[in-house]
Structures are given as structure tokens and as C-alpha cells.
Amino acid sequence: MTKQTKIAITSILFLLVAIADVYAVITETKSLEIIFKPLLMTTLAIVYLVSVKKPNFWLISALFFSFWGDVFLLDEANYFVFGLGSFLIAHIMYIKMTSQLLKKPSINKILKAAIIFIALFGGVLFLIIDNLGEMLLPVIVYGVAISAFGTSALLNYQQEKSTENTWLLLGAILFIASDSLIALNNFYTPKKLFVIAIIVLYVVSQYLIVKAMIAKKQ
């Protein structure tokens, strides 16, 4: 079996798993979600591993902790903090991965790139702060992390406006959008549309990040 065949098969498998999980979320079929949610990052990791000769440790680590984040958030009522912690570590892995691509940007460039993400986080925090209670500190820490990931992805794109860097930046932005909707859904006003958008944005964002890193290896 050729490498391209393996990539095609694993990519189709990931797509089918993603469709099944989105369907489970839309129809609120928890039994299906329990099956397919853990398979999202598993199949995406396989797509990455068959596509490159030397896997990026930080990307694999991010997918690993994203897997556990998905698992914990299947039961948000009891394990939301564990899910938040897992995705926090995943974002830290993505920050490390992306920062290694940078050529020591100036403080001025960093601050300019960070403004938009800080403003977005500040806006979301303003809406949900009254409902956070003891979750205030964890949410702030998480918000800082996702803002840092967005900033590093934007700096990487500004450094080299290539197709793969565009995918990486878009992946980071969609991941942040998904996380922002989770915050709004849990601490501001729950909506079915938010729930659907969260999973769709999450799946696309992770795929784009992996696609970008595969392209960089090739």
C-alpha cells in the first residue's frame, strides 16, 4: 500500500468519524457521541503519522491532550475542570510548536499581534464574569493561553505568508472561536446553535493545524 493510499484512507476515516460525531451532537445521541468523540483526535493523529516521516513531538502531544479533553468533556457536569486542564496543556503544546517556527519577533510586533486576541478574550470575559464564581482564575489562565496561541500563529503568518501558515493561523482562530462559544454556552446563555458550532469549529480547527504541519514537513 502506497503512502498516498494510506493518507487517503486515514483521511476518509477521520472525515467519517467527524461527521458521525457532529451528527451525534446535533441529534443529542449521547451513546454515539461516547463512541465517536474519542476517535476524533485518534484518527486525526493517525492521518498525521502516516503523512510525515518525523512527527512533531509538540503536535502529537497537543493531539494527545486534546483527546483527553474530549473524553472528560463528555461528562461536563463532573469533569469540566479536567477537560479544561487537558485543553490548556494542549494549547501550551501548540504554543511551543508554533513559537519554534518564529525568528525572535520584536516586543512591538508581539504586542500588536496580541491586541486582537486580548480584546476578544476581554469581551468574552466581560459577558461571563458574573457567572464564573470559583472558575474565574482557571478561565483567565485558559484565556491567556489561547490568546498566546493565536498571537504566535499570527506572528508566524506575518513572518511568512505561505499557504501552510494561513492554515495554521485559521486553525488557531477557529479553535479560539470554539473555546469562546464553550465559555458563552456554559457561563452566559446556553444555546443549541452554540453547541453545534463548537464541535464543527473544533473539528475544522484541529484538522487545519494538522494539515499545516503536514505541509511544512513536505
C-alpha atoms as a PDB file:
ATOM      1  CA  MET A   1       0.000   0.000   0.000  1.00  0.00           C
ATOM      2  CA  THR A   2       1.459   3.347  -1.063  1.00  0.00           C
ATOM      3  CA  LYS A   3       1.838   6.322   1.256  1.00  0.00           C
ATOM      4  CA  GLN A   4      -0.770   8.317  -0.672  1.00  0.00           C
ATOM      5  CA  THR A   5      -3.262   5.454  -0.348  1.00  0.00           C
ATOM      6  CA  LYS A   6      -2.685   5.314   3.401  1.00  0.00           C
ATOM      7  CA  ILE A   7      -3.182   9.068   3.675  1.00  0.00           C
ATOM      8  CA  ALA A   8      -6.395   8.883   1.633  1.00  0.00           C
ATOM      9  CA  ILE A   9      -7.821   6.002   3.689  1.00  0.00           C
ATOM     10  CA  THR A  10      -6.997   7.575   7.060  1.00  0.00           C
ATOM     11  CA  SER A  11      -8.305  10.973   5.922  1.00  0.00           C
ATOM     12  CA  ILE A  12     -11.606   9.422   4.855  1.00  0.00           C
ATOM     13  CA  LEU A  13     -11.770   7.596   8.190  1.00  0.00           C
ATOM     14  CA  PHE A  14     -11.263  10.873  10.073  1.00  0.00           C
ATOM     15  CA  LEU A  15     -13.939  12.553   7.941  1.00  0.00           C
ATOM     16  CA  LEU A  16     -16.450   9.777   8.654  1.00  0.00           C
ATOM     17  CA  VAL A  17     -15.715   9.925  12.392  1.00  0.00           C
ATOM     18  CA  ALA A  18     -16.095  13.718  12.358  1.00  0.00           C
ATOM     19  CA  ILE A  19     -19.427  13.522  10.503  1.00  0.00           C
ATOM     20  CA  ALA A  20     -20.674  10.868  12.922  1.00  0.00           C
ATOM     21  CA  ASP A  21     -19.683  12.927  15.956  1.00  0.00           C
ATOM     22  CA  VAL A  22     -21.258  16.116  14.603  1.00  0.00           C
ATOM     23  CA  TYR A  23     -24.424  14.128  13.869  1.00  0.00           C
ATOM     24  CA  ALA A  24     -24.391  12.759  17.425  1.00  0.00           C
ATOM     25  CA  VAL A  25     -24.098  16.287  18.830  1.00  0.00           C
ATOM     26  CA  ILE A  26     -26.867  17.672  16.615  1.00  0.00           C
ATOM     27  CA  THR A  27     -29.271  14.818  17.422  1.00  0.00           C
ATOM     28  CA  GLU A  28     -28.153  14.704  21.082  1.00  0.00           C
ATOM     29  CA  THR A  29     -27.411  10.975  20.781  1.00  0.00           C
ATOM     30  CA  LYS A  30     -25.048  10.547  23.722  1.00  0.00           C
ATOM     31  CA  SER A  31     -24.364   6.871  23.044  1.00  0.00           C
ATOM     32  CA  LEU A  32     -22.984   7.720  19.587  1.00  0.00           C
ATOM     33  CA  GLU A  33     -21.006  10.667  20.925  1.00  0.00           C
ATOM     34  CA  ILE A  34     -19.349   8.444  23.531  1.00  0.00           C
ATOM     35  CA  ILE A  35     -18.169   6.195  20.692  1.00  0.00           C
ATOM     36  CA  PHE A  36     -17.031   8.785  18.155  1.00  0.00           C
ATOM     37  CA  LYS A  37     -15.766  11.690  20.283  1.00  0.00           C
ATOM     38  CA  PRO A  38     -12.633   9.819  21.461  1.00  0.00           C
ATOM     39  CA  LEU A  39     -11.983   8.713  17.882  1.00  0.00           C
ATOM     40  CA  LEU A  40     -11.699  12.295  16.583  1.00  0.00           C
ATOM     41  CA  MET A  41      -8.147  13.013  17.733  1.00  0.00           C
ATOM     42  CA  THR A  42      -7.170   9.339  17.433  1.00  0.00           C
ATOM     43  CA  THR A  43      -7.928   9.216  13.714  1.00  0.00           C
ATOM     44  CA  LEU A  44      -6.503  12.702  13.132  1.00  0.00           C
ATOM     45  CA  ALA A  45      -3.254  11.639  14.810  1.00  0.00           C
ATOM     46  CA  ILE A  46      -3.131   8.611  12.509  1.00  0.00           C
ATOM     47  CA  VAL A  47      -3.595  10.891   9.474  1.00  0.00           C
ATOM     48  CA  TYR A  48      -0.618  12.918  10.654  1.00  0.00           C
ATOM     49  CA  LEU A  49       1.586   9.936  11.471  1.00  0.00           C
ATOM     50  CA  VAL A  50       1.137   8.284   8.064  1.00  0.00           C
ATOM     51  CA  SER A  51       1.774  11.627   6.311  1.00  0.00           C
ATOM     52  CA  VAL A  52       5.177  12.529   7.781  1.00  0.00           C
ATOM     53  CA  LYS A  53       8.465  10.735   8.311  1.00  0.00           C
ATOM     54  CA  LYS A  54       9.451  12.536  11.509  1.00  0.00           C
ATOM     55  CA  PRO A  55       6.432  13.536  13.660  1.00  0.00           C
ATOM     56  CA  ASN A  56       6.487  16.797  15.591  1.00  0.00           C
ATOM     57  CA  PHE A  57       6.525  15.935  19.304  1.00  0.00           C
ATOM     58  CA  TRP A  58       4.577  19.042  20.311  1.00  0.00           C
ATOM     59  CA  LEU A  59       1.810  18.418  17.788  1.00  0.00           C
ATOM     60  CA  ILE A  60       1.397  14.789  18.848  1.00  0.00           C
ATOM     61  CA  SER A  61       1.347  15.915  22.488  1.00  0.00           C
ATOM     62  CA  ALA A  62      -1.331  18.533  21.693  1.00  0.00           C
ATOM     63  CA  LEU A  63      -3.497  15.904  19.993  1.00  0.00           C
ATOM     64  CA  PHE A  64      -2.969  13.557  22.961  1.00  0.00           C
ATOM     65  CA  PHE A  65      -4.183  16.122  25.493  1.00  0.00           C
ATOM     66  CA  SER A  66      -6.994  17.171  23.148  1.00  0.00           C
ATOM     67  CA  PHE A  67      -8.092  13.533  23.162  1.00  0.00           C
ATOM     68  CA  TRP A  68      -8.343  13.596  26.944  1.00  0.00           C
ATOM     69  CA  GLY A  69     -10.105  16.945  26.817  1.00  0.00           C
ATOM     70  CA  ASP A  70     -12.717  15.400  24.521  1.00  0.00           C
ATOM     71  CA  VAL A  71     -13.131  12.418  26.836  1.00  0.00           C
ATOM     72  CA  PHE A  72     -13.516  14.490  30.000  1.00  0.00           C
ATOM     73  CA  LEU A  73     -15.989  16.894  28.381  1.00  0.00           C
ATOM     74  CA  LEU A  74     -18.301  14.005  27.535  1.00  0.00           C
ATOM     75  CA  ASP A  75     -19.370  14.468  31.153  1.00  0.00           C
ATOM     76  CA  GLU A  76     -19.086  18.225  31.659  1.00  0.00           C
ATOM     77  CA  ALA A  77     -21.105  18.178  34.862  1.00  0.00           C
ATOM     78  CA  ASN A  78     -18.442  16.167  36.684  1.00  0.00           C
ATOM     79  CA  TYR A  79     -15.244  16.614  34.680  1.00  0.00           C
ATOM     80  CA  PHE A  80     -15.370  20.102  33.153  1.00  0.00           C
ATOM     81  CA  VAL A  81     -12.274  21.272  35.055  1.00  0.00           C
ATOM     82  CA  PHE A  82     -10.329  18.195  33.924  1.00  0.00           C
ATOM     83  CA  GLY A  83     -11.372  18.858  30.341  1.00  0.00           C
ATOM     84  CA  LEU A  84     -10.349  22.500  30.671  1.00  0.00           C
ATOM     85  CA  GLY A  85      -6.995  21.441  32.107  1.00  0.00           C
ATOM     86  CA  SER A  86      -6.380  18.960  29.297  1.00  0.00           C
ATOM     87  CA  PHE A  87      -7.095  21.536  26.620  1.00  0.00           C
ATOM     88  CA  LEU A  88      -4.970  24.081  28.482  1.00  0.00           C
ATOM     89  CA  ILE A  89      -1.999  21.721  28.184  1.00  0.00           C
ATOM     90  CA  ALA A  90      -2.878  21.106  24.516  1.00  0.00           C
ATOM     91  CA  HIS A  91      -2.758  24.857  23.862  1.00  0.00           C
ATOM     92  CA  ILE A  92       0.586  25.112  25.651  1.00  0.00           C
ATOM     93  CA  MET A  93       1.892  22.360  23.339  1.00  0.00           C
ATOM     94  CA  TYR A  94       0.592  24.303  20.327  1.00  0.00           C
ATOM     95  CA  ILE A  95       2.235  27.493  21.616  1.00  0.00           C
ATOM     96  CA  LYS A  96       5.548  25.646  21.931  1.00  0.00           C
ATOM     97  CA  MET A  97       5.130  24.137  18.453  1.00  0.00           C
ATOM     98  CA  THR A  98       4.327  27.478  16.830  1.00  0.00           C
ATOM     99  CA  SER A  99       6.908  29.511  18.731  1.00  0.00           C
ATOM    100  CA  GLN A 100       9.641  27.240  17.379  1.00  0.00           C
ATOM    101  CA  LEU A 101       8.736  28.478  13.905  1.00  0.00           C
ATOM    102  CA  LEU A 102       9.345  32.126  14.866  1.00  0.00           C
ATOM    103  CA  LYS A 103      12.544  34.110  14.357  1.00  0.00           C
ATOM    104  CA  LYS A 104      12.563  36.164  17.573  1.00  0.00           C
ATOM    105  CA  PRO A 105       9.937  38.828  16.810  1.00  0.00           C
ATOM    106  CA  SER A 106      10.268  42.219  18.495  1.00  0.00           C
ATOM    107  CA  ILE A 107       8.217  43.114  21.559  1.00  0.00           C
ATOM    108  CA  ASN A 108       6.385  45.705  19.449  1.00  0.00           C
ATOM    109  CA  LYS A 109       5.305  43.067  16.898  1.00  0.00           C
ATOM    110  CA  ILE A 110       4.218  40.699  19.673  1.00  0.00           C
ATOM    111  CA  LEU A 111       2.077  43.364  21.326  1.00  0.00           C
ATOM    112  CA  LYS A 112       0.477  44.378  18.014  1.00  0.00           C
ATOM    113  CA  ALA A 113      -0.354  40.746  17.188  1.00  0.00           C
ATOM    114  CA  ALA A 114      -1.727  40.107  20.673  1.00  0.00           C
ATOM    115  CA  ILE A 115      -4.158  43.041  20.729  1.00  0.00           C
ATOM    116  CA  ILE A 116      -6.939  41.386  18.727  1.00  0.00           C
ATOM    117  CA  PHE A 117      -6.855  38.181  20.795  1.00  0.00           C
ATOM    118  CA  ILE A 118      -6.681  40.041  24.109  1.00  0.00           C
ATOM    119  CA  ALA A 119      -9.646  42.176  23.005  1.00  0.00           C
ATOM    120  CA  LEU A 120     -11.656  39.067  22.073  1.00  0.00           C
ATOM    121  CA  PHE A 121     -10.899  37.388  25.384  1.00  0.00           C
ATOM    122  CA  GLY A 122     -11.713  40.582  27.253  1.00  0.00           C
ATOM    123  CA  GLY A 123     -15.075  40.808  25.507  1.00  0.00           C
ATOM    124  CA  VAL A 124     -15.995  37.222  26.348  1.00  0.00           C
ATOM    125  CA  LEU A 125     -14.796  37.633  29.934  1.00  0.00           C
ATOM    126  CA  PHE A 126     -16.906  40.780  30.307  1.00  0.00           C
ATOM    127  CA  LEU A 127     -20.016  38.802  29.340  1.00  0.00           C
ATOM    128  CA  ILE A 128     -19.417  35.785  31.575  1.00  0.00           C
ATOM    129  CA  ILE A 129     -17.521  37.144  34.595  1.00  0.00           C
ATOM    130  CA  ASP A 130     -20.601  37.443  36.828  1.00  0.00           C
ATOM    131  CA  ASN A 131     -21.338  33.730  36.395  1.00  0.00           C
ATOM    132  CA  LEU A 132     -17.827  32.335  36.821  1.00  0.00           C
ATOM    133  CA  GLY A 133     -17.545  32.149  40.614  1.00  0.00           C
ATOM    134  CA  GLU A 134     -14.637  29.871  41.547  1.00  0.00           C
ATOM    135  CA  MET A 135     -13.957  29.247  37.849  1.00  0.00           C
ATOM    136  CA  LEU A 136     -12.711  32.820  37.380  1.00  0.00           C
ATOM    137  CA  LEU A 137      -8.996  32.057  37.778  1.00  0.00           C
ATOM    138  CA  PRO A 138      -8.992  28.862  35.642  1.00  0.00           C
ATOM    139  CA  VAL A 139     -10.873  30.662  32.867  1.00  0.00           C
ATOM    140  CA  ILE A 140      -8.464  33.617  32.944  1.00  0.00           C
ATOM    141  CA  VAL A 141      -5.459  31.275  32.753  1.00  0.00           C
ATOM    142  CA  TYR A 142      -7.073  29.406  29.877  1.00  0.00           C
ATOM    143  CA  GLY A 143      -7.933  32.667  28.114  1.00  0.00           C
ATOM    144  CA  VAL A 144      -4.326  33.834  28.363  1.00  0.00           C
ATOM    145  CA  ALA A 145      -3.158  30.517  26.867  1.00  0.00           C
ATOM    146  CA  ILE A 146      -5.487  30.579  23.868  1.00  0.00           C
ATOM    147  CA  SER A 147      -4.633  34.239  23.277  1.00  0.00           C
ATOM    148  CA  ALA A 148      -0.938  33.334  23.295  1.00  0.00           C
ATOM    149  CA  PHE A 149      -1.554  30.548  20.767  1.00  0.00           C
ATOM    150  CA  GLY A 150      -3.437  32.932  18.489  1.00  0.00           C
ATOM    151  CA  THR A 151      -0.689  35.520  18.834  1.00  0.00           C
ATOM    152  CA  SER A 152       2.096  33.076  17.972  1.00  0.00           C
ATOM    153  CA  ALA A 153       0.133  31.785  14.961  1.00  0.00           C
ATOM    154  CA  LEU A 154      -0.429  35.353  13.709  1.00  0.00           C
ATOM    155  CA  LEU A 155       3.246  36.225  14.184  1.00  0.00           C
ATOM    156  CA  ASN A 156       4.186  33.102  12.244  1.00  0.00           C
ATOM    157  CA  TYR A 157       1.864  34.145   9.408  1.00  0.00           C
ATOM    158  CA  GLN A 158       3.232  37.703   9.381  1.00  0.00           C
ATOM    159  CA  GLN A 159       6.732  36.267   9.223  1.00  0.00           C
ATOM    160  CA  GLU A 160       5.923  34.199   6.118  1.00  0.00           C
ATOM    161  CA  LYS A 161       2.571  34.486   4.351  1.00  0.00           C
ATOM    162  CA  SER A 162       2.579  30.931   2.992  1.00  0.00           C
ATOM    163  CA  THR A 163      -0.396  28.634   2.424  1.00  0.00           C
ATOM    164  CA  GLU A 164       0.514  26.370   5.335  1.00  0.00           C
ATOM    165  CA  ASN A 165       0.917  29.326   7.701  1.00  0.00           C
ATOM    166  CA  THR A 166      -2.509  30.563   6.596  1.00  0.00           C
ATOM    167  CA  TRP A 167      -3.966  27.163   7.530  1.00  0.00           C
ATOM    168  CA  LEU A 168      -2.200  27.271  10.896  1.00  0.00           C
ATOM    169  CA  LEU A 169      -3.485  30.769  11.653  1.00  0.00           C
ATOM    170  CA  LEU A 170      -7.025  29.898  10.573  1.00  0.00           C
ATOM    171  CA  GLY A 171      -6.870  26.735  12.692  1.00  0.00           C
ATOM    172  CA  ALA A 172      -5.825  28.756  15.740  1.00  0.00           C
ATOM    173  CA  ILE A 173      -8.586  31.337  15.156  1.00  0.00           C
ATOM    174  CA  LEU A 174     -11.286  28.677  14.761  1.00  0.00           C
ATOM    175  CA  PHE A 175     -10.029  26.871  17.888  1.00  0.00           C
ATOM    176  CA  ILE A 176     -10.286  30.125  19.840  1.00  0.00           C
ATOM    177  CA  ALA A 177     -13.774  30.714  18.413  1.00  0.00           C
ATOM    178  CA  SER A 178     -14.832  27.226  19.520  1.00  0.00           C
ATOM    179  CA  ASP A 179     -13.441  27.805  23.024  1.00  0.00           C
ATOM    180  CA  SER A 180     -15.152  31.202  23.216  1.00  0.00           C
ATOM    181  CA  LEU A 181     -18.506  29.624  22.376  1.00  0.00           C
ATOM    182  CA  ILE A 182     -17.938  26.989  25.068  1.00  0.00           C
ATOM    183  CA  ALA A 183     -17.485  29.823  27.574  1.00  0.00           C
ATOM    184  CA  LEU A 184     -20.616  31.610  26.377  1.00  0.00           C
ATOM    185  CA  ASN A 185     -22.654  28.401  26.354  1.00  0.00           C
ATOM    186  CA  ASN A 186     -21.595  27.414  29.865  1.00  0.00           C
ATOM    187  CA  PHE A 187     -21.396  30.774  31.623  1.00  0.00           C
ATOM    188  CA  TYR A 188     -23.603  33.198  29.684  1.00  0.00           C
ATOM    189  CA  THR A 189     -26.546  31.700  27.813  1.00  0.00           C
ATOM    190  CA  PRO A 190     -26.794  28.073  26.615  1.00  0.00           C
ATOM    191  CA  LYS A 191     -27.946  27.669  23.021  1.00  0.00           C
ATOM    192  CA  LYS A 192     -28.246  24.648  20.742  1.00  0.00           C
ATOM    193  CA  LEU A 193     -26.613  26.637  17.934  1.00  0.00           C
ATOM    194  CA  PHE A 194     -23.566  27.232  20.138  1.00  0.00           C
ATOM    195  CA  VAL A 195     -23.222  23.505  20.807  1.00  0.00           C
ATOM    196  CA  ILE A 196     -23.298  22.675  17.093  1.00  0.00           C
ATOM    197  CA  ALA A 197     -20.905  25.484  16.177  1.00  0.00           C
ATOM    198  CA  ILE A 198     -18.479  24.410  18.933  1.00  0.00           C
ATOM    199  CA  ILE A 199     -17.974  20.902  17.551  1.00  0.00           C
ATOM    200  CA  VAL A 200     -17.827  21.989  13.892  1.00  0.00           C
ATOM    201  CA  LEU A 201     -15.279  24.739  14.586  1.00  0.00           C
ATOM    202  CA  TYR A 202     -13.248  22.403  16.800  1.00  0.00           C
ATOM    203  CA  VAL A 203     -13.016  19.633  14.202  1.00  0.00           C
ATOM    204  CA  VAL A 204     -12.098  22.032  11.379  1.00  0.00           C
ATOM    205  CA  SER A 205      -9.555  23.882  13.530  1.00  0.00           C
ATOM    206  CA  GLN A 206      -7.693  20.747  14.577  1.00  0.00           C
ATOM    207  CA  TYR A 207      -7.683  19.456  11.007  1.00  0.00           C
ATOM    208  CA  LEU A 208      -6.275  22.736   9.665  1.00  0.00           C
ATOM    209  CA  ILE A 209      -3.500  22.769  12.278  1.00  0.00           C
ATOM    210  CA  VAL A 210      -2.507  19.211  11.373  1.00  0.00           C
ATOM    211  CA  LYS A 211      -2.792  19.967   7.644  1.00  0.00           C
ATOM    212  CA  ALA A 212      -0.470  22.952   8.091  1.00  0.00           C
ATOM    213  CA  MET A 213       2.159  20.915   9.902  1.00  0.00           C
ATOM    214  CA  ILE A 214       1.983  18.131   7.309  1.00  0.00           C
ATOM    215  CA  ALA A 215       2.528  20.709   4.554  1.00  0.00           C
ATOM    216  CA  LYS A 216       5.528  22.120   6.419  1.00  0.00           C
ATOM    217  CA  LYS A 217       7.101  18.647   6.601  1.00  0.00           C
ATOM    218  CA  GLN A 218       6.552  18.076   2.893  1.00  0.00           C
END
